[in-house]
Amino acid sequence: MPAPAEAPMARPVDDLDACVALMRTGSRTFFAASRLLPQRVRASSIALYAFCRVADDLVDDGGMPLDQALGVLSHRLDRIYGGQPLDHVEDRALAVVVQRHQLPRALLDALLDGFAWDAQGRRYDTLEDLHDYGARVAGSVGAMMCWIMGVRSPQALARACELGVAMQLTNIARDVGEDARNGRLYLPRLWLEQAGIDSQAWLQRPACTPALQTVVGRLLDEADRLYHQASAGIALLPRDCRSAIRAARLIYAEIGQQLRRDGLDPLRQRAVVPTSRKLMLLASASVLSGWKGAAANDAPPLAAIAYLVDHCDSGPQPRDAQAPGVLPAKPLGERVVWMLELFERLEVQRIEQRGARERQRRFSH
């Protein structure tokens, strides 16, 4: 078998453009959200996300055994951190991020662990088990984003990890129905047992009952607790990054509120925050971004994310260097206006698509 090709010389901006193209077609939600970040952070975050997406796809449906897929990814990270990335656009782009920001490899290794847990169909019996999963698939991303923003304090990294875990818990609560249709269940099984639900039998015939609603509500309560605890970390971020992170925190928390308004029934429909509400939350995030506020110092980090923080050796605060070949960021006001217009366009598209489906349904009958 021939050895993998080494990466030829390429301009970082070319690799970044290729990653942006990947995000445009493969992850439009992330691409849209990234537009609220300053360019110096957005470029690195897109490169990071591109590698993470490709890694997830390789583990999930790459057509090879799990151990082999993880071995391939581990080797690719070895080459990236050795300064000799293989000839993949996302590897070359991530190598630039690693070099520029000295990104701790332990955070990427934790993310790959989370992908492996998904592929293995691991069960989560307790809330603490679910925290462990959320720390890997989402807390690690929060820590990497915080690191890329140039903030290295243990407190800020802990709050960033907790925000990621809170978002993952929200995802789990919202996607109970979709996960069940795929034969997956992420709700703590001890909670289900306490509510009188046999998890295996429920997976065979998923149904929304008052008992299930109680479990979903408990999970959203835990997410809200972590959102509140993580909020203090936003004050520790650079001013030009606070708006995007606060907007993400507010909108994700609102998904839980919308699920409550929908009657805590994630099987009937997937909770969606109305566009008008998103616009109001974005405006609120924009206004609050200029107010640093006070950061709490006494909240201990969530136990599941402590090891991630411990693996991040705090070094000197990096300078806010611009990526080579990248234009300066647009003012915050322009970025927020762009996002508001985007939501309006998405709402128009949603209405048009709904009308088209209705016309097709009538024609077929």
Protein backbone atom coordinates (compact mmCIF):
# COMPACT_ATOMS: atom_id res chain seq x y z
CA MET A 1 0.00 0.00 0.00
CA PRO A 2 1.56 3.33 -1.00
CA ALA A 3 2.35 5.81 1.76
CA PRO A 4 -0.05 8.76 2.12
CA ALA A 5 1.03 11.78 0.17
CA GLU A 6 2.52 14.65 2.08
CA ALA A 7 1.00 18.09 1.75
CA PRO A 8 2.46 20.21 -1.05
CA MET A 9 3.19 23.83 -0.43
CA ALA A 10 -0.04 25.82 -0.41
CA ARG A 11 -1.04 29.27 0.72
CA PRO A 12 -3.01 29.21 4.02
CA VAL A 13 -5.62 31.50 2.54
CA ASP A 14 -6.27 28.97 -0.27
CA ASP A 15 -6.87 26.19 2.23
CA LEU A 16 -9.12 28.46 4.26
CA ASP A 17 -11.16 29.28 1.15
CA ALA A 18 -11.60 25.55 0.53
CA CYS A 19 -12.76 25.03 4.13
CA VAL A 20 -15.24 27.88 3.76
CA ALA A 21 -16.60 26.18 0.62
CA LEU A 22 -16.97 22.95 2.60
CA MET A 23 -18.89 24.76 5.32
CA ARG A 24 -21.15 26.52 2.82
CA THR A 25 -22.36 23.19 1.44
CA GLY A 26 -21.98 20.92 4.43
CA SER A 27 -22.81 23.00 7.50
CA ARG A 28 -24.75 26.12 6.67
CA THR A 29 -25.81 26.71 10.26
CA PHE A 30 -22.22 26.89 11.49
CA PHE A 31 -21.18 29.03 8.53
CA ALA A 32 -23.95 31.53 9.25
CA ALA A 33 -23.18 31.70 12.97
CA SER A 34 -19.48 32.18 12.30
CA ARG A 35 -20.21 35.45 10.50
CA LEU A 36 -20.78 37.13 13.88
CA LEU A 37 -17.20 36.42 14.92
CA PRO A 38 -14.32 38.78 14.12
CA GLN A 39 -12.34 37.67 11.07
CA ARG A 40 -9.20 36.82 13.09
CA VAL A 41 -11.24 34.23 15.00
CA ARG A 42 -13.60 33.20 12.22
CA ALA A 43 -10.80 32.02 9.92
CA SER A 44 -9.37 29.68 12.55
CA SER A 45 -12.79 28.48 13.72
CA ILE A 46 -13.81 27.52 10.18
CA ALA A 47 -10.57 25.58 9.68
CA LEU A 48 -11.08 23.83 13.02
CA TYR A 49 -14.70 22.99 12.29
CA ALA A 50 -13.85 21.65 8.83
CA PHE A 51 -11.45 19.10 10.31
CA CYS A 52 -13.91 18.15 13.05
CA ARG A 53 -16.69 17.61 10.52
CA VAL A 54 -14.53 15.43 8.27
CA ALA A 55 -13.36 13.45 11.31
CA ASP A 56 -16.95 12.89 12.46
CA ASP A 57 -17.96 11.69 8.99
CA LEU A 58 -14.99 9.32 8.83
CA VAL A 59 -15.86 7.73 12.18
CA ASP A 60 -19.60 7.64 11.58
CA ASP A 61 -19.84 6.40 8.00
CA GLY A 62 -16.34 6.23 6.57
CA GLY A 63 -16.73 2.61 5.51
CA MET A 64 -14.01 1.27 7.79
CA PRO A 65 -13.95 -0.35 11.25
CA LEU A 66 -14.01 2.08 14.16
CA ASP A 67 -10.52 1.20 15.39
CA GLN A 68 -9.10 1.74 11.91
CA ALA A 69 -10.88 5.07 11.50
CA LEU A 70 -9.59 6.30 14.85
CA GLY A 71 -6.10 5.13 13.94
CA VAL A 72 -6.23 7.10 10.70
CA LEU A 73 -7.37 10.23 12.51
CA SER A 74 -4.74 9.84 15.22
CA HIS A 75 -2.05 9.55 12.55
CA ARG A 76 -3.37 12.65 10.79
CA LEU A 77 -3.19 14.57 14.05
CA ASP A 78 0.35 13.28 14.61
CA ARG A 79 1.34 14.75 11.25
CA ILE A 80 -0.54 18.00 11.87
CA TYR A 81 1.13 18.54 15.24
CA GLY A 82 4.47 17.51 13.75
CA GLY A 83 4.18 20.29 11.18
CA GLN A 84 3.87 17.84 8.26
CA PRO A 85 0.13 17.52 7.53
CA LEU A 86 -1.06 15.01 4.95
CA ASP A 87 -2.42 16.21 1.63
CA HIS A 88 -5.92 17.11 2.81
CA VAL A 89 -7.23 20.66 2.73
CA GLU A 90 -8.63 20.43 6.25
CA ASP A 91 -5.35 18.99 7.60
CA ARG A 92 -3.26 21.78 6.11
CA ALA A 93 -5.67 24.42 7.40
CA LEU A 94 -5.74 22.91 10.89
CA ALA A 95 -1.93 22.77 10.91
CA VAL A 96 -1.91 26.56 10.47
CA VAL A 97 -4.36 26.94 13.37
CA VAL A 98 -2.25 24.69 15.58
CA GLN A 99 0.90 26.63 14.75
CA ARG A 100 -0.65 30.06 15.19
CA HIS A 101 -2.51 29.34 18.42
CA GLN A 102 -0.51 26.44 19.94
CA LEU A 103 -3.82 24.59 20.26
CA PRO A 104 -3.58 21.79 22.89
CA ARG A 105 -3.93 18.42 21.21
CA ALA A 106 -5.75 16.98 24.24
CA LEU A 107 -8.83 18.96 23.22
CA LEU A 108 -8.95 17.37 19.76
CA ASP A 109 -8.27 13.93 21.21
CA ALA A 110 -11.23 14.43 23.57
CA LEU A 111 -13.47 15.30 20.62
CA LEU A 112 -12.42 12.14 18.78
CA ASP A 113 -13.25 10.16 21.93
CA GLY A 114 -16.75 11.61 21.79
CA PHE A 115 -17.13 10.59 18.14
CA ALA A 116 -16.04 7.08 19.09
CA TRP A 117 -18.60 6.94 21.91
CA ASP A 118 -21.33 7.78 19.41
CA ALA A 119 -20.14 5.13 16.97
CA GLN A 120 -20.07 2.56 19.77
CA GLY A 121 -23.65 3.36 20.77
CA ARG A 122 -22.58 3.95 24.36
CA ARG A 123 -25.30 4.14 27.02
CA TYR A 124 -25.55 6.92 29.58
CA ASP A 125 -27.01 5.74 32.86
CA THR A 126 -26.56 8.88 34.96
CA LEU A 127 -26.44 12.62 34.46
CA GLU A 128 -22.73 12.49 35.25
CA ASP A 129 -22.25 10.00 32.41
CA LEU A 130 -24.03 12.41 30.09
CA HIS A 131 -21.79 15.24 31.33
CA ASP A 132 -18.78 13.10 30.36
CA TYR A 133 -20.17 12.68 26.84
CA GLY A 134 -21.06 16.36 26.50
CA ALA A 135 -17.59 17.36 27.69
CA ARG A 136 -16.05 15.46 24.80
CA VAL A 137 -18.34 16.29 21.89
CA ALA A 138 -19.11 19.90 22.86
CA GLY A 139 -17.10 21.05 25.87
CA SER A 140 -13.89 20.41 23.95
CA VAL A 141 -15.14 22.65 21.13
CA GLY A 142 -15.97 25.41 23.61
CA ALA A 143 -12.46 25.21 25.05
CA MET A 144 -10.88 25.29 21.57
CA MET A 145 -12.91 28.35 20.57
CA CYS A 146 -11.94 30.09 23.81
CA TRP A 147 -8.29 29.24 23.16
CA ILE A 148 -8.45 30.53 19.59
CA MET A 149 -9.93 33.79 20.88
CA GLY A 150 -6.73 34.20 22.87
CA VAL A 151 -8.16 33.58 26.36
CA ARG A 152 -6.21 31.04 28.37
CA SER A 153 -7.33 31.45 32.00
CA PRO A 154 -8.63 28.24 33.65
CA GLN A 155 -11.83 30.03 34.70
CA ALA A 156 -12.64 31.17 31.16
CA LEU A 157 -11.85 27.73 29.72
CA ALA A 158 -14.07 26.05 32.31
CA ARG A 159 -16.99 28.35 31.53
CA ALA A 160 -16.50 27.78 27.79
CA CYS A 161 -16.57 24.00 28.31
CA GLU A 162 -19.72 24.30 30.41
CA LEU A 163 -21.42 26.35 27.72
CA GLY A 164 -20.66 23.58 25.24
CA VAL A 165 -22.09 20.94 27.59
CA ALA A 166 -25.24 23.03 28.14
CA MET A 167 -25.74 23.29 24.39
CA GLN A 168 -25.31 19.53 24.00
CA LEU A 169 -27.91 18.85 26.70
CA THR A 170 -30.28 21.15 24.82
CA ASN A 171 -29.59 19.24 21.61
CA ILE A 172 -30.34 15.95 23.36
CA ALA A 173 -33.64 17.20 24.78
CA ARG A 174 -34.73 18.66 21.43
CA ASP A 175 -33.72 15.59 19.40
CA VAL A 176 -35.26 12.82 21.54
CA GLY A 177 -37.69 11.91 18.75
CA GLU A 178 -35.14 12.00 15.94
CA ASP A 179 -32.62 10.00 17.97
CA ALA A 180 -35.25 7.39 18.83
CA ARG A 181 -36.07 6.91 15.15
CA ASN A 182 -32.37 6.16 14.67
CA GLY A 183 -32.34 3.69 17.54
CA ARG A 184 -30.47 6.01 19.91
CA LEU A 185 -31.34 7.27 23.37
CA TYR A 186 -29.23 9.81 25.24
CA LEU A 187 -31.52 10.59 28.19
CA PRO A 188 -30.07 9.33 31.51
CA ARG A 189 -31.45 5.83 31.89
CA LEU A 190 -31.56 6.11 35.67
CA TRP A 191 -33.90 9.08 35.28
CA LEU A 192 -36.07 7.06 32.91
CA GLU A 193 -36.16 4.19 35.38
CA GLN A 194 -37.14 6.56 38.20
CA ALA A 195 -39.97 7.84 35.99
CA GLY A 196 -41.20 4.31 35.37
CA ILE A 197 -39.94 4.02 31.79
CA ASP A 198 -38.20 0.90 30.48
CA SER A 199 -35.64 2.37 28.09
CA GLN A 200 -35.40 -0.69 25.84
CA ALA A 201 -39.15 -1.08 25.53
CA TRP A 202 -39.56 2.66 24.95
CA LEU A 203 -37.05 2.57 22.08
CA GLN A 204 -39.16 -0.12 20.44
CA ARG A 205 -42.28 2.05 20.63
CA PRO A 206 -41.34 5.69 21.37
CA ALA A 207 -44.17 7.75 22.82
CA CYS A 208 -44.51 11.04 24.62
CA THR A 209 -45.96 10.48 28.07
CA PRO A 210 -46.09 12.64 31.21
CA ALA A 211 -43.23 10.52 32.56
CA LEU A 212 -41.05 11.27 29.52
CA GLN A 213 -41.94 14.96 29.75
CA THR A 214 -40.69 14.98 33.33
CA VAL A 215 -37.31 13.56 32.25
CA VAL A 216 -36.98 16.02 29.34
CA GLY A 217 -37.85 18.88 31.70
CA ARG A 218 -35.18 17.77 34.18
CA LEU A 219 -32.57 17.75 31.43
CA LEU A 220 -33.53 21.27 30.33
CA ASP A 221 -33.30 22.44 33.96
CA GLU A 222 -29.73 21.12 34.08
CA ALA A 223 -28.92 22.85 30.79
CA ASP A 224 -30.28 26.12 32.20
CA ARG A 225 -28.12 25.75 35.29
CA LEU A 226 -25.04 25.37 33.12
CA TYR A 227 -26.05 28.27 30.85
CA HIS A 228 -26.25 30.46 33.94
CA GLN A 229 -22.90 29.25 35.26
CA ALA A 230 -21.22 29.64 31.86
CA SER A 231 -22.50 33.19 31.33
CA ALA A 232 -19.84 34.61 33.64
CA GLY A 233 -17.19 33.45 31.18
CA ILE A 234 -18.47 35.71 28.41
CA ALA A 235 -17.18 38.72 30.35
CA LEU A 236 -13.69 37.19 30.13
CA LEU A 237 -13.69 37.06 26.32
CA PRO A 238 -12.34 39.80 24.02
CA ARG A 239 -14.96 42.44 23.42
CA ASP A 240 -15.25 41.69 19.70
CA CYS A 241 -16.09 38.04 20.46
CA ARG A 242 -18.69 38.50 23.18
CA SER A 243 -21.62 39.28 20.89
CA ALA A 244 -21.37 36.03 18.91
CA ILE A 245 -20.94 33.83 22.00
CA ARG A 246 -23.69 35.60 23.92
CA ALA A 247 -26.01 35.25 20.91
CA ALA A 248 -25.26 31.53 20.70
CA ARG A 249 -25.90 31.13 24.42
CA LEU A 250 -29.20 33.04 24.31
CA ILE A 251 -30.56 31.34 21.19
CA TYR A 252 -29.61 27.84 22.33
CA ALA A 253 -31.18 28.40 25.74
CA GLU A 254 -34.28 29.65 23.95
CA ILE A 255 -34.57 26.29 22.15
CA GLY A 256 -35.23 24.78 25.56
CA GLN A 257 -37.81 27.45 26.34
CA GLN A 258 -39.51 26.78 23.00
CA LEU A 259 -39.58 23.06 23.80
CA ARG A 260 -41.32 23.89 27.06
CA ARG A 261 -43.84 26.08 25.21
CA ASP A 262 -44.45 23.15 22.83
CA GLY A 263 -45.47 21.03 25.82
CA LEU A 264 -42.18 19.18 26.32
CA ASP A 265 -43.07 16.88 23.42
CA PRO A 266 -39.92 16.34 21.34
CA LEU A 267 -41.55 13.46 19.43
CA ARG A 268 -44.34 15.50 17.86
CA GLN A 269 -42.08 18.19 16.41
CA ARG A 270 -38.56 19.52 16.63
CA ALA A 271 -38.47 22.72 18.70
CA VAL A 272 -37.63 25.73 16.55
CA VAL A 273 -37.12 29.27 17.83
CA PRO A 274 -39.29 31.71 15.81
CA THR A 275 -37.36 34.14 13.64
CA SER A 276 -38.82 37.15 15.44
CA ARG A 277 -37.50 35.82 18.74
CA LYS A 278 -34.06 35.14 17.24
CA LEU A 279 -33.90 38.72 16.00
CA MET A 280 -34.70 40.05 19.45
CA LEU A 281 -32.06 37.84 21.07
CA LEU A 282 -29.44 38.88 18.50
CA ALA A 283 -30.20 42.53 19.17
CA SER A 284 -29.93 41.91 22.91
CA ALA A 285 -26.58 40.15 22.48
CA SER A 286 -25.30 43.05 20.40
CA VAL A 287 -26.25 45.62 23.04
CA LEU A 288 -24.83 43.60 25.91
CA SER A 289 -21.55 42.87 24.12
CA GLY A 290 -20.18 46.30 25.00
CA TRP A 291 -20.84 45.79 28.70
CA LYS A 292 -18.25 43.54 30.27
CA GLY A 293 -19.96 43.08 33.63
CA ALA A 294 -18.54 41.04 36.47
CA ALA A 295 -17.25 37.51 36.16
CA ALA A 296 -17.93 35.11 39.01
CA ASN A 297 -14.83 33.55 40.53
CA ASP A 298 -16.19 31.04 43.02
CA ALA A 299 -18.07 28.48 40.89
CA PRO A 300 -16.09 25.23 40.67
CA PRO A 301 -15.89 23.74 37.18
CA LEU A 302 -18.19 20.92 36.21
CA ALA A 303 -16.43 17.70 37.22
CA ALA A 304 -16.64 16.24 33.71
CA ILE A 305 -14.72 19.12 32.12
CA ALA A 306 -12.02 19.53 34.77
CA TYR A 307 -9.62 17.23 32.88
CA LEU A 308 -9.95 19.36 29.75
CA VAL A 309 -9.00 22.49 31.66
CA ASP A 310 -6.12 20.67 33.33
CA HIS A 311 -4.68 19.72 29.93
CA CYS A 312 -4.59 23.36 28.83
CA ASP A 313 -1.31 24.75 30.13
CA SER A 314 -1.82 28.47 30.50
CA GLY A 315 0.77 30.42 28.57
CA PRO A 316 1.24 34.11 27.78
CA GLN A 317 -1.71 35.88 26.22
CA PRO A 318 -1.16 35.90 22.43
CA ARG A 319 -1.26 39.01 20.32
CA ASP A 320 -4.34 39.59 18.16
CA ALA A 321 -2.54 38.75 14.95
CA GLN A 322 -4.43 38.76 11.69
CA ALA A 323 -4.27 35.60 9.60
CA PRO A 324 -2.16 36.09 6.47
CA GLY A 325 -4.16 37.18 3.46
CA VAL A 326 -7.31 37.93 5.47
CA LEU A 327 -9.15 41.23 5.34
CA PRO A 328 -9.95 43.08 8.59
CA ALA A 329 -13.25 42.28 10.25
CA LYS A 330 -16.35 44.31 9.49
CA PRO A 331 -17.72 46.43 12.32
CA LEU A 332 -19.98 44.59 14.75
CA GLY A 333 -23.03 46.52 13.60
CA GLU A 334 -22.57 45.35 10.02
CA ARG A 335 -22.20 41.74 11.12
CA VAL A 336 -25.39 41.87 13.19
CA VAL A 337 -27.33 43.50 10.34
CA TRP A 338 -26.05 40.76 8.02
CA MET A 339 -27.31 38.12 10.44
CA LEU A 340 -30.73 39.75 10.77
CA GLU A 341 -31.09 39.83 7.00
CA LEU A 342 -30.04 36.19 6.82
CA PHE A 343 -32.78 35.13 9.23
CA GLU A 344 -35.33 37.07 7.18
CA ARG A 345 -34.22 35.30 4.00
CA LEU A 346 -34.37 31.91 5.72
CA GLU A 347 -37.89 32.61 6.93
CA VAL A 348 -38.99 33.54 3.39
CA GLN A 349 -37.42 30.33 2.07
CA ARG A 350 -39.18 28.30 4.78
CA ILE A 351 -42.57 29.77 3.85
CA GLU A 352 -41.96 29.17 0.14
CA GLN A 353 -40.89 25.57 0.75
CA ARG A 354 -43.92 24.93 2.93
CA GLY A 355 -46.16 26.30 0.18
CA ALA A 356 -44.47 24.10 -2.41
CA ARG A 357 -44.98 21.01 -0.24
CA GLU A 358 -48.63 21.89 0.25
CA ARG A 359 -49.16 22.33 -3.50
CA GLN A 360 -47.45 19.01 -4.15
CA ARG A 361 -49.62 17.31 -1.56
CA ARG A 362 -52.80 18.67 -3.13
CA PHE A 363 -51.65 17.65 -6.63
CA SER A 364 -50.83 14.11 -5.51
CA HIS A 365 -54.33 13.74 -4.06
